[in-house]
Amino acid sequence: MKISNIEDVEVQLNPPGAVITMSNYIDVSQLQAQLSNAGHYLIKEFG
């Protein structure tokens, strides 16, 4: 899957999580819509 403005993604399994590096801000709802097309994934904003 390729999403515009995503430069890097670091995923860890234990504990589950990911860090997404963007060149321009992408709203969490837009990311969730794209992830839903790839399977049963959930994204939340922390920090």
PDB file of N, CA and C in Angstrom:
ATOM      1  N   MET A   1       0.848  -1.163   0.000  1.00  0.00           N
ATOM      2  CA  MET A   1       0.000   0.000   0.000  1.00  0.00           C
ATOM      3  C   MET A   1       0.899   1.233   0.000  1.00  0.00           C
ATOM      4  N   LYS A   2       0.567   2.203  -0.806  1.00  0.00           N
ATOM      5  CA  LYS A   2       1.314   3.463  -0.896  1.00  0.00           C
ATOM      6  C   LYS A   2       0.329   4.608  -0.692  1.00  0.00           C
ATOM      7  N   ILE A   3       0.626   5.465   0.306  1.00  0.00           N
ATOM      8  CA  ILE A   3      -0.209   6.628   0.588  1.00  0.00           C
ATOM      9  C   ILE A   3       0.651   7.871   0.423  1.00  0.00           C
ATOM     10  N   SER A   4       0.168   8.835  -0.331  1.00  0.00           N
ATOM     11  CA  SER A   4       0.915  10.072  -0.562  1.00  0.00           C
ATOM     12  C   SER A   4       1.245  10.740   0.770  1.00  0.00           C
ATOM     13  N   ASN A   5       2.429  11.336   0.833  1.00  0.00           N
ATOM     14  CA  ASN A   5       2.945  12.078   1.990  1.00  0.00           C
ATOM     15  C   ASN A   5       3.423  11.205   3.145  1.00  0.00           C
ATOM     16  N   ILE A   6       3.308   9.874   3.046  1.00  0.00           N
ATOM     17  CA  ILE A   6       3.882   8.986   4.053  1.00  0.00           C
ATOM     18  C   ILE A   6       5.318   8.714   3.635  1.00  0.00           C
ATOM     19  N   GLU A   7       6.259   9.091   4.503  1.00  0.00           N
ATOM     20  CA  GLU A   7       7.672   8.896   4.188  1.00  0.00           C
ATOM     21  C   GLU A   7       8.246   7.623   4.789  1.00  0.00           C
ATOM     22  N   ASP A   8       7.761   7.241   5.990  1.00  0.00           N
ATOM     23  CA  ASP A   8       8.321   6.077   6.669  1.00  0.00           C
ATOM     24  C   ASP A   8       7.304   5.551   7.672  1.00  0.00           C
ATOM     25  N   VAL A   9       7.340   4.233   7.913  1.00  0.00           N
ATOM     26  CA  VAL A   9       6.491   3.616   8.929  1.00  0.00           C
ATOM     27  C   VAL A   9       7.349   2.616   9.692  1.00  0.00           C
ATOM     28  N   GLU A  10       7.363   2.750  11.018  1.00  0.00           N
ATOM     29  CA  GLU A  10       8.049   1.804  11.887  1.00  0.00           C
ATOM     30  C   GLU A  10       6.986   1.053  12.676  1.00  0.00           C
ATOM     31  N   VAL A  11       6.979  -0.278  12.555  1.00  0.00           N
ATOM     32  CA  VAL A  11       5.973  -1.110  13.207  1.00  0.00           C
ATOM     33  C   VAL A  11       6.657  -2.001  14.226  1.00  0.00           C
ATOM     34  N   GLN A  12       6.043  -2.117  15.404  1.00  0.00           N
ATOM     35  CA  GLN A  12       6.525  -3.070  16.399  1.00  0.00           C
ATOM     36  C   GLN A  12       5.370  -3.958  16.821  1.00  0.00           C
ATOM     37  N   LEU A  13       5.679  -5.219  17.103  1.00  0.00           N
ATOM     38  CA  LEU A  13       4.632  -6.184  17.427  1.00  0.00           C
ATOM     39  C   LEU A  13       4.392  -6.332  18.922  1.00  0.00           C
ATOM     40  N   ASN A  14       5.426  -6.090  19.740  1.00  0.00           N
ATOM     41  CA  ASN A  14       5.290  -6.283  21.173  1.00  0.00           C
ATOM     42  C   ASN A  14       5.931  -5.141  21.934  1.00  0.00           C
ATOM     43  N   PRO A  15       5.188  -4.187  22.460  1.00  0.00           N
ATOM     44  CA  PRO A  15       3.746  -4.048  22.361  1.00  0.00           C
ATOM     45  C   PRO A  15       3.350  -3.572  20.972  1.00  0.00           C
ATOM     46  N   PRO A  16       2.130  -3.860  20.528  1.00  0.00           N
ATOM     47  CA  PRO A  16       1.714  -3.458  19.189  1.00  0.00           C
ATOM     48  C   PRO A  16       1.683  -1.943  19.032  1.00  0.00           C
ATOM     49  N   GLY A  17       2.240  -1.464  17.935  1.00  0.00           N
ATOM     50  CA  GLY A  17       2.217  -0.032  17.667  1.00  0.00           C
ATOM     51  C   GLY A  17       2.958   0.297  16.392  1.00  0.00           C
ATOM     52  N   ALA A  18       2.861   1.554  16.000  1.00  0.00           N
ATOM     53  CA  ALA A  18       3.541   2.015  14.792  1.00  0.00           C
ATOM     54  C   ALA A  18       3.796   3.512  14.909  1.00  0.00           C
ATOM     55  N   VAL A  19       4.875   3.960  14.273  1.00  0.00           N
ATOM     56  CA  VAL A  19       5.183   5.379  14.155  1.00  0.00           C
ATOM     57  C   VAL A  19       5.177   5.702  12.667  1.00  0.00           C
ATOM     58  N   ILE A  20       4.388   6.696  12.274  1.00  0.00           N
ATOM     59  CA  ILE A  20       4.254   7.085  10.872  1.00  0.00           C
ATOM     60  C   ILE A  20       4.881   8.451  10.691  1.00  0.00           C
ATOM     61  N   THR A  21       5.828   8.562   9.762  1.00  0.00           N
ATOM     62  CA  THR A  21       6.471   9.835   9.439  1.00  0.00           C
ATOM     63  C   THR A  21       5.874  10.358   8.146  1.00  0.00           C
ATOM     64  N   MET A  22       5.377  11.614   8.189  1.00  0.00           N
ATOM     65  CA  MET A  22       4.691  12.213   7.043  1.00  0.00           C
ATOM     66  C   MET A  22       5.423  13.466   6.591  1.00  0.00           C
ATOM     67  N   SER A  23       5.408  13.728   5.288  1.00  0.00           N
ATOM     68  CA  SER A  23       5.961  14.979   4.767  1.00  0.00           C
ATOM     69  C   SER A  23       4.970  16.120   4.947  1.00  0.00           C
ATOM     70  N   ASN A  24       3.667  15.807   4.947  1.00  0.00           N
ATOM     71  CA  ASN A  24       2.584  16.758   5.225  1.00  0.00           C
ATOM     72  C   ASN A  24       1.566  16.029   6.081  1.00  0.00           C
ATOM     73  N   TYR A  25       0.912  16.757   6.989  1.00  0.00           N
ATOM     74  CA  TYR A  25      -0.051  16.150   7.898  1.00  0.00           C
ATOM     75  C   TYR A  25      -1.186  15.492   7.122  1.00  0.00           C
ATOM     76  N   ILE A  26      -1.541  14.295   7.557  1.00  0.00           N
ATOM     77  CA  ILE A  26      -2.692  13.573   7.016  1.00  0.00           C
ATOM     78  C   ILE A  26      -3.613  13.295   8.196  1.00  0.00           C
ATOM     79  N   ASP A  27      -4.870  13.666   8.098  1.00  0.00           N
ATOM     80  CA  ASP A  27      -5.839  13.468   9.159  1.00  0.00           C
ATOM     81  C   ASP A  27      -6.005  11.975   9.445  1.00  0.00           C
ATOM     82  N   VAL A  28      -6.175  11.645  10.729  1.00  0.00           N
ATOM     83  CA  VAL A  28      -6.315  10.252  11.144  1.00  0.00           C
ATOM     84  C   VAL A  28      -7.486   9.574  10.428  1.00  0.00           C
ATOM     85  N   SER A  29      -8.576  10.289  10.202  1.00  0.00           N
ATOM     86  CA  SER A  29      -9.729   9.684   9.520  1.00  0.00           C
ATOM     87  C   SER A  29      -9.384   9.296   8.081  1.00  0.00           C
ATOM     88  N   GLN A  30      -8.537  10.086   7.421  1.00  0.00           N
ATOM     89  CA  GLN A  30      -8.102   9.739   6.059  1.00  0.00           C
ATOM     90  C   GLN A  30      -7.211   8.502   6.078  1.00  0.00           C
ATOM     91  N   LEU A  31      -6.316   8.424   7.064  1.00  0.00           N
ATOM     92  CA  LEU A  31      -5.461   7.241   7.180  1.00  0.00           C
ATOM     93  C   LEU A  31      -6.304   5.995   7.481  1.00  0.00           C
ATOM     94  N   GLN A  32      -7.290   6.138   8.369  1.00  0.00           N
ATOM     95  CA  GLN A  32      -8.143   5.000   8.708  1.00  0.00           C
ATOM     96  C   GLN A  32      -8.904   4.493   7.487  1.00  0.00           C
ATOM     97  N   ALA A  33      -9.383   5.393   6.650  1.00  0.00           N
ATOM     98  CA  ALA A  33     -10.089   4.988   5.433  1.00  0.00           C
ATOM     99  C   ALA A  33      -9.185   4.159   4.530  1.00  0.00           C
ATOM    100  N   GLN A  34      -7.931   4.565   4.392  1.00  0.00           N
ATOM    101  CA  GLN A  34      -6.986   3.812   3.568  1.00  0.00           C
ATOM    102  C   GLN A  34      -6.652   2.456   4.195  1.00  0.00           C
ATOM    103  N   LEU A  35      -6.447   2.438   5.527  1.00  0.00           N
ATOM    104  CA  LEU A  35      -6.123   1.187   6.204  1.00  0.00           C
ATOM    105  C   LEU A  35      -7.286   0.196   6.155  1.00  0.00           C
ATOM    106  N   SER A  36      -8.499   0.691   6.198  1.00  0.00           N
ATOM    107  CA  SER A  36      -9.669  -0.189   6.132  1.00  0.00           C
ATOM    108  C   SER A  36      -9.711  -0.957   4.815  1.00  0.00           C
ATOM    109  N   ASN A  37      -9.173  -0.372   3.764  1.00  0.00           N
ATOM    110  CA  ASN A  37      -9.109  -1.052   2.467  1.00  0.00           C
ATOM    111  C   ASN A  37      -8.113  -2.205   2.487  1.00  0.00           C
ATOM    112  N   ALA A  38      -7.154  -2.165   3.413  1.00  0.00           N
ATOM    113  CA  ALA A  38      -6.101  -3.183   3.475  1.00  0.00           C
ATOM    114  C   ALA A  38      -6.438  -4.326   4.430  1.00  0.00           C
ATOM    115  N   GLY A  39      -7.461  -4.153   5.268  1.00  0.00           N
ATOM    116  CA  GLY A  39      -7.805  -5.203   6.226  1.00  0.00           C
ATOM    117  C   GLY A  39      -8.404  -4.605   7.483  1.00  0.00           C
ATOM    118  N   HIS A  40      -8.353  -5.382   8.548  1.00  0.00           N
ATOM    119  CA  HIS A  40      -8.956  -4.961   9.823  1.00  0.00           C
ATOM    120  C   HIS A  40      -7.911  -4.287  10.696  1.00  0.00           C
ATOM    121  N   TYR A  41      -7.571  -3.053  10.362  1.00  0.00           N
ATOM    122  CA  TYR A  41      -6.585  -2.280  11.109  1.00  0.00           C
ATOM    123  C   TYR A  41      -7.255  -1.057  11.718  1.00  0.00           C
ATOM    124  N   LEU A  42      -6.722  -0.616  12.851  1.00  0.00           N
ATOM    125  CA  LEU A  42      -7.238   0.555  13.543  1.00  0.00           C
ATOM    126  C   LEU A  42      -6.085   1.500  13.817  1.00  0.00           C
ATOM    127  N   ILE A  43      -6.281   2.767  13.567  1.00  0.00           N
ATOM    128  CA  ILE A  43      -5.255   3.761  13.820  1.00  0.00           C
ATOM    129  C   ILE A  43      -5.796   4.799  14.807  1.00  0.00           C
ATOM    130  N   LYS A  44      -4.938   5.177  15.768  1.00  0.00           N
ATOM    131  CA  LYS A  44      -5.280   6.200  16.757  1.00  0.00           C
ATOM    132  C   LYS A  44      -4.119   7.164  16.849  1.00  0.00           C
ATOM    133  N   GLU A  45      -4.420   8.399  17.169  1.00  0.00           N
ATOM    134  CA  GLU A  45      -3.387   9.414  17.338  1.00  0.00           C
ATOM    135  C   GLU A  45      -3.031   9.522  18.805  1.00  0.00           C
ATOM    136  N   PHE A  46      -1.732   9.431  19.110  1.00  0.00           N
ATOM    137  CA  PHE A  46      -1.237   9.582  20.479  1.00  0.00           C
ATOM    138  C   PHE A  46      -0.289  10.754  20.531  1.00  0.00           C
ATOM    139  N   GLY A  47      -0.214  11.353  21.707  1.00  0.00           N
ATOM    140  CA  GLY A  47       0.787  12.403  21.904  1.00  0.00           C
ATOM    141  C   GLY A  47       0.241  13.730  21.702  1.00  0.00           C
TER     142      GLY A  47
END
